[in-house]
Amino acid sequence: MIKVRVGVALAVVLLITSTAEAQRGGGRGRGAQEDTAPVPSAGPIYTAPTPAMNISGVWWTESYSAKIQLVGGGELPYNEKGKAAYAMNMAALKNGLMRDEARHLCVPDGLPRMLGNPYPFQIIQTPGQVAIVYELNHVIRIIPMDKPMPNAHELEVAPYYSGHSVAHWEDDALVIESAGFNDKTFLDATGAPHSDAMTTVERVRKLSDTRLEDVITVNDPEMFARPWSTRFVYDLHPEVRIDDYVCGEKHRDISKVRGVVVK
């Protein structure tokens, strides 16, 4: 009985192998002829309308700052509620009553903090959407280009760390609108808070073939006296591949990024 089973198994293996070989054109006769037939090359999955609108690639920030830097300079324009929340956060982080969960648990940094992180990220453009894959904490933003922003009810019942985002082109600038954030993230590494009413608008554009700019405007009337903006600039790095990132483990060398202090 055992010999019969072994024989049957061997026959099945030989049948699968010969079938696969024929499909690859590795056999004789028709298979060999098919092997010489031209194979159509795979074309790009997306072609940008203009070179300026082609922002795909691996990008890496030119500089890093633990404290968010405003366009035009100055301090974050917190209102009285925001000032109190910021002071409480900074004190709690200092005495250990609060942790920076983005660094301890690898939860997403949220906006705009993730835009200035010192690790590379990749932009992938496909028909109808833009995907941004951040190496830090493996955050992925899927940004539709052909859908409206979810309605107010959806934004309220399903808040995201990175918010809900939609985008469209205005000339050569990709405009990304985001809303529906939770209030669990910091705006920067100092513990700067925001509310779940925050909305943002990013204007992403190429400064040259190898440089990219993202200017984000933040509006959060619960915490700030007025809207404000911050700016990030990135260099193209086609030689870089996005790596694994695991909390508590050693990662790539980021000491060459201006502003990074290696401890």
Protein backbone atom coordinates (compact mmCIF):
# COMPACT_ATOMS: atom_id res chain seq x y z
CA MET A 1 0.00 0.00 0.00
CA ILE A 2 2.85 2.37 0.87
CA LYS A 3 4.52 1.67 -2.48
CA VAL A 4 1.28 2.45 -4.30
CA ARG A 5 0.92 5.78 -2.48
CA VAL A 6 4.52 6.74 -3.20
CA GLY A 7 4.04 5.85 -6.84
CA VAL A 8 0.91 7.95 -7.13
CA ALA A 9 2.61 10.92 -5.42
CA LEU A 10 5.61 10.63 -7.75
CA ALA A 11 3.32 10.57 -10.79
CA VAL A 12 1.53 13.71 -9.61
CA VAL A 13 4.83 15.54 -9.06
CA LEU A 14 6.05 14.57 -12.53
CA LEU A 15 2.76 15.72 -14.09
CA ILE A 16 2.93 19.13 -12.35
CA THR A 17 6.58 19.56 -13.29
CA SER A 18 6.03 18.72 -16.94
CA THR A 19 2.99 21.02 -17.13
CA ALA A 20 4.89 23.93 -15.60
CA GLU A 21 7.81 23.32 -17.95
CA ALA A 22 5.50 23.37 -20.95
CA GLN A 23 3.93 26.63 -19.77
CA ARG A 24 7.38 28.20 -19.52
CA GLY A 25 8.18 26.99 -23.03
CA GLY A 26 10.89 24.74 -21.67
CA GLY A 27 9.75 21.63 -23.53
CA ARG A 28 10.03 20.70 -27.18
CA GLY A 29 7.63 21.29 -30.03
CA ARG A 30 5.09 24.05 -29.49
CA GLY A 31 6.59 25.05 -26.14
CA ALA A 32 9.97 25.68 -27.74
CA GLN A 33 8.37 27.81 -30.47
CA GLU A 34 6.47 29.90 -27.91
CA ASP A 35 9.71 30.56 -26.08
CA THR A 36 11.07 32.43 -29.10
CA ALA A 37 7.98 34.64 -29.43
CA PRO A 38 8.50 38.27 -28.36
CA VAL A 39 7.26 39.09 -24.87
CA PRO A 40 5.56 42.49 -24.59
CA SER A 41 7.34 44.76 -22.14
CA ALA A 42 5.43 46.07 -19.17
CA GLY A 43 4.86 49.80 -19.45
CA PRO A 44 4.57 52.30 -16.59
CA ILE A 45 1.47 52.04 -14.44
CA TYR A 46 1.13 55.83 -14.45
CA THR A 47 2.48 58.63 -16.59
CA ALA A 48 2.26 62.13 -15.16
CA PRO A 49 0.73 64.75 -17.49
CA THR A 50 3.88 66.89 -17.18
CA PRO A 51 7.38 66.29 -15.76
CA ALA A 52 6.62 68.79 -12.98
CA MET A 53 3.65 66.65 -11.90
CA ASN A 54 5.81 63.53 -11.67
CA ILE A 55 6.61 63.48 -7.94
CA SER A 56 7.07 59.72 -7.61
CA GLY A 57 10.27 58.49 -6.02
CA VAL A 58 12.09 58.19 -2.71
CA TRP A 59 12.53 61.52 -0.95
CA TRP A 60 14.49 62.50 2.16
CA THR A 61 14.25 65.69 4.18
CA GLU A 62 17.11 68.17 3.91
CA SER A 63 16.92 69.09 7.60
CA TYR A 64 15.23 68.11 10.85
CA SER A 65 13.97 70.16 13.78
CA ALA A 66 12.43 68.74 16.95
CA LYS A 67 10.44 71.98 17.28
CA ILE A 68 8.19 72.97 14.41
CA GLN A 69 9.43 75.95 12.39
CA LEU A 70 6.80 78.38 11.14
CA VAL A 71 6.89 80.08 7.76
CA GLY A 72 7.87 83.65 8.61
CA GLY A 73 9.28 82.61 11.99
CA GLY A 74 7.84 83.04 15.48
CA GLU A 75 6.08 80.73 17.90
CA LEU A 76 3.00 78.60 17.41
CA PRO A 77 0.03 81.01 17.74
CA TYR A 78 -1.81 79.13 20.48
CA ASN A 79 -4.89 80.64 22.10
CA GLU A 80 -5.30 80.41 25.88
CA LYS A 81 -6.63 76.84 25.74
CA GLY A 82 -3.76 75.80 23.47
CA LYS A 83 -1.12 77.44 25.65
CA ALA A 84 -2.40 75.61 28.73
CA ALA A 85 -2.47 72.26 26.90
CA TYR A 86 1.07 72.78 25.54
CA ALA A 87 2.46 73.66 28.97
CA MET A 88 0.79 70.59 30.48
CA ASN A 89 2.20 68.32 27.76
CA MET A 90 5.74 69.62 28.14
CA ALA A 91 5.63 69.21 31.92
CA ALA A 92 4.17 65.69 31.69
CA LEU A 93 6.78 64.59 29.13
CA LYS A 94 9.54 65.96 31.36
CA ASN A 95 8.40 64.26 34.57
CA GLY A 96 7.41 60.99 32.89
CA LEU A 97 3.65 61.22 33.37
CA MET A 98 3.22 61.25 29.57
CA ARG A 99 5.05 59.30 26.87
CA ASP A 100 5.65 60.11 23.24
CA GLU A 101 3.67 57.12 21.95
CA ALA A 102 4.92 57.62 18.39
CA ARG A 103 8.39 56.65 19.63
CA HIS A 104 7.40 54.05 22.24
CA LEU A 105 4.61 52.22 20.41
CA CYS A 106 5.33 53.17 16.79
CA VAL A 107 1.89 54.73 16.28
CA PRO A 108 1.74 57.26 13.40
CA ASP A 109 3.25 60.69 13.99
CA GLY A 110 0.29 62.49 12.45
CA LEU A 111 0.43 65.78 10.56
CA PRO A 112 2.48 67.85 10.27
CA ARG A 113 5.07 66.03 12.42
CA MET A 114 5.48 63.11 10.02
CA LEU A 115 6.36 65.49 7.18
CA GLY A 116 9.56 66.57 8.90
CA ASN A 117 10.79 63.22 10.21
CA PRO A 118 14.45 62.41 9.42
CA TYR A 119 13.77 59.11 7.59
CA PRO A 120 13.07 58.68 3.86
CA PHE A 121 9.64 58.16 2.35
CA GLN A 122 8.34 57.09 -1.04
CA ILE A 123 5.63 58.63 -3.22
CA ILE A 124 3.85 56.29 -5.61
CA GLN A 125 1.49 57.80 -8.20
CA THR A 126 -1.14 55.58 -9.81
CA PRO A 127 -4.32 56.41 -11.73
CA GLY A 128 -6.79 58.03 -9.34
CA GLN A 129 -4.61 58.15 -6.23
CA VAL A 130 -1.29 59.02 -4.64
CA ALA A 131 0.27 56.76 -2.00
CA ILE A 132 2.92 58.02 0.41
CA VAL A 133 4.88 55.36 2.31
CA TYR A 134 6.92 56.62 5.27
CA GLU A 135 9.75 54.46 6.56
CA LEU A 136 9.30 55.82 10.09
CA ASN A 137 6.63 53.69 11.82
CA HIS A 138 5.62 52.34 8.37
CA VAL A 139 2.88 54.91 7.97
CA ILE A 140 0.97 54.70 4.67
CA ARG A 141 -1.22 57.50 3.34
CA ILE A 142 -3.56 56.52 0.51
CA ILE A 143 -4.81 59.78 -1.00
CA PRO A 144 -7.57 59.54 -3.62
CA MET A 145 -7.60 62.02 -6.48
CA ASP A 146 -11.10 61.18 -7.72
CA LYS A 147 -13.21 61.17 -4.55
CA PRO A 148 -14.64 63.89 -2.30
CA MET A 149 -13.75 64.31 1.35
CA PRO A 150 -15.86 62.00 3.58
CA ASN A 151 -18.85 63.72 5.12
CA ALA A 152 -18.81 65.23 8.60
CA HIS A 153 -20.39 62.14 10.18
CA GLU A 154 -17.74 59.80 8.77
CA LEU A 155 -14.96 62.12 9.89
CA GLU A 156 -16.39 62.25 13.41
CA VAL A 157 -16.97 58.53 13.93
CA ALA A 158 -13.72 57.34 12.30
CA PRO A 159 -10.89 59.75 13.15
CA TYR A 160 -7.43 58.72 11.93
CA TYR A 161 -3.93 59.47 13.21
CA SER A 162 -3.07 60.82 9.76
CA GLY A 163 -6.56 62.14 9.04
CA HIS A 164 -8.64 61.50 5.93
CA SER A 165 -7.08 63.02 2.81
CA VAL A 166 -8.11 63.86 -0.75
CA ALA A 167 -6.06 65.62 -3.40
CA HIS A 168 -6.18 67.47 -6.69
CA TRP A 169 -3.79 69.34 -8.94
CA GLU A 170 -3.64 73.12 -9.16
CA ASP A 171 -1.22 73.81 -12.00
CA ASP A 172 1.98 71.99 -10.94
CA ALA A 173 1.11 71.80 -7.23
CA LEU A 174 -0.52 68.75 -5.66
CA VAL A 175 -3.02 70.11 -3.13
CA ILE A 176 -3.79 67.65 -0.31
CA GLU A 177 -6.70 68.45 2.01
CA SER A 178 -6.94 66.50 5.28
CA ALA A 179 -9.51 66.38 8.08
CA GLY A 180 -10.91 63.87 10.56
CA PHE A 181 -7.84 63.62 12.82
CA ASN A 182 -7.81 62.15 16.29
CA ASP A 183 -6.15 64.26 18.99
CA LYS A 184 -3.62 61.63 20.08
CA THR A 185 -0.62 62.98 18.16
CA PHE A 186 1.80 65.85 18.69
CA LEU A 187 2.56 68.50 16.09
CA ASP A 188 6.28 68.07 16.78
CA ALA A 189 8.69 66.30 19.14
CA THR A 190 8.21 68.89 21.91
CA GLY A 191 4.65 67.77 22.64
CA ALA A 192 2.81 70.57 20.82
CA PRO A 193 -0.90 69.59 20.91
CA HIS A 194 -3.82 69.99 18.53
CA SER A 195 -7.53 69.18 18.70
CA ASP A 196 -9.62 66.75 16.66
CA ALA A 197 -11.06 69.80 14.86
CA MET A 198 -7.75 70.39 13.06
CA THR A 199 -7.74 70.54 9.26
CA THR A 200 -4.73 70.89 6.98
CA VAL A 201 -3.94 71.84 3.39
CA GLU A 202 -0.64 70.78 1.82
CA ARG A 203 0.81 72.19 -1.38
CA VAL A 204 3.39 69.77 -2.75
CA ARG A 205 5.47 70.86 -5.74
CA LYS A 206 8.84 70.21 -7.34
CA LEU A 207 11.47 72.92 -6.95
CA SER A 208 13.66 71.10 -9.47
CA ASP A 209 14.05 67.59 -10.86
CA THR A 210 15.64 66.49 -7.57
CA ARG A 211 14.00 68.71 -4.92
CA LEU A 212 10.46 68.68 -3.54
CA GLU A 213 8.62 71.14 -1.31
CA ASP A 214 5.63 70.59 0.98
CA VAL A 215 4.04 73.67 2.56
CA ILE A 216 1.29 72.71 5.01
CA THR A 217 -1.22 75.14 6.48
CA VAL A 218 -2.86 74.16 9.76
CA ASN A 219 -6.26 75.45 10.86
CA ASP A 220 -7.46 74.52 14.37
CA PRO A 221 -9.63 77.25 15.93
CA GLU A 222 -10.04 75.27 19.15
CA MET A 223 -6.30 75.55 19.89
CA PHE A 224 -4.92 78.38 17.77
CA ALA A 225 -5.68 82.06 17.36
CA ARG A 226 -5.11 81.88 13.60
CA PRO A 227 -4.06 79.45 10.84
CA TRP A 228 -0.31 78.97 10.39
CA SER A 229 2.06 77.27 7.95
CA THR A 230 5.30 75.32 8.01
CA ARG A 231 7.54 74.21 5.13
CA PHE A 232 9.56 71.07 4.40
CA VAL A 233 12.05 70.48 1.57
CA TYR A 234 13.25 67.07 0.38
CA ASP A 235 15.95 65.69 -1.90
CA LEU A 236 15.38 62.85 -4.36
CA HIS A 237 17.25 59.63 -3.48
CA PRO A 238 16.76 57.00 -6.21
CA GLU A 239 19.50 54.88 -4.65
CA VAL A 240 17.58 54.47 -1.37
CA ARG A 241 15.16 51.62 -0.63
CA ILE A 242 12.56 51.96 2.12
CA ASP A 243 13.64 49.70 5.01
CA ASP A 244 11.89 47.92 7.85
CA TYR A 245 11.26 49.98 10.97
CA VAL A 246 10.64 48.40 14.36
CA CYS A 247 10.36 50.27 17.65
CA GLY A 248 13.30 49.60 19.95
CA GLU A 249 15.58 48.27 17.21
CA LYS A 250 18.50 49.94 15.47
CA HIS A 251 17.61 51.60 12.17
CA ARG A 252 19.43 53.30 9.32
CA ASP A 253 22.02 56.01 9.96
CA ILE A 254 20.32 59.43 9.96
CA SER A 255 23.24 61.38 11.40
CA LYS A 256 23.88 63.09 8.04
CA VAL A 257 20.49 64.81 8.13
CA ARG A 258 21.08 68.40 9.22
CA GLY A 259 19.69 69.02 12.70
CA VAL A 260 19.68 65.39 13.85
CA VAL A 261 21.40 64.80 17.19
CA VAL A 262 22.55 61.19 17.59
CA LYS A 263 22.39 60.03 21.20
